[in-house]
């Protein structure tokens, strides 16, 4: 598991995905720091990892990344850590489309083709 603060290549993500879930890799994005953790078996593991590095839980959102896909299709908003009724998010998705756009922007900035 590691934190991506500068960039990670699609080929490195593909390699990590093949070792874990095949075509997908789990990630947690810190919308405040513009970073993400990848390589955890569960989103909760990555969430804890980032919190230990100083991130705040309310800034963390779980996603799945499909390195073989392009653009917005590469990102799936589906994680147990996203269920936050106190923030108005009652599902595993990220219900706020503005928040989705922020997450997509961060992920697209961090992943290099």
Foldseek 3Di string as FASTA:
>chain_A
DDKQQQADELVVQCVLCCVAPHQKWKKKAQLVRLMIDTNDNAVVVRLVVVVVVPGDLVRIFIWMAGSVDDQPVRIGQAHPSQCDVVVPRHHSGPPDVVVVVSVSVSNVRHYDD
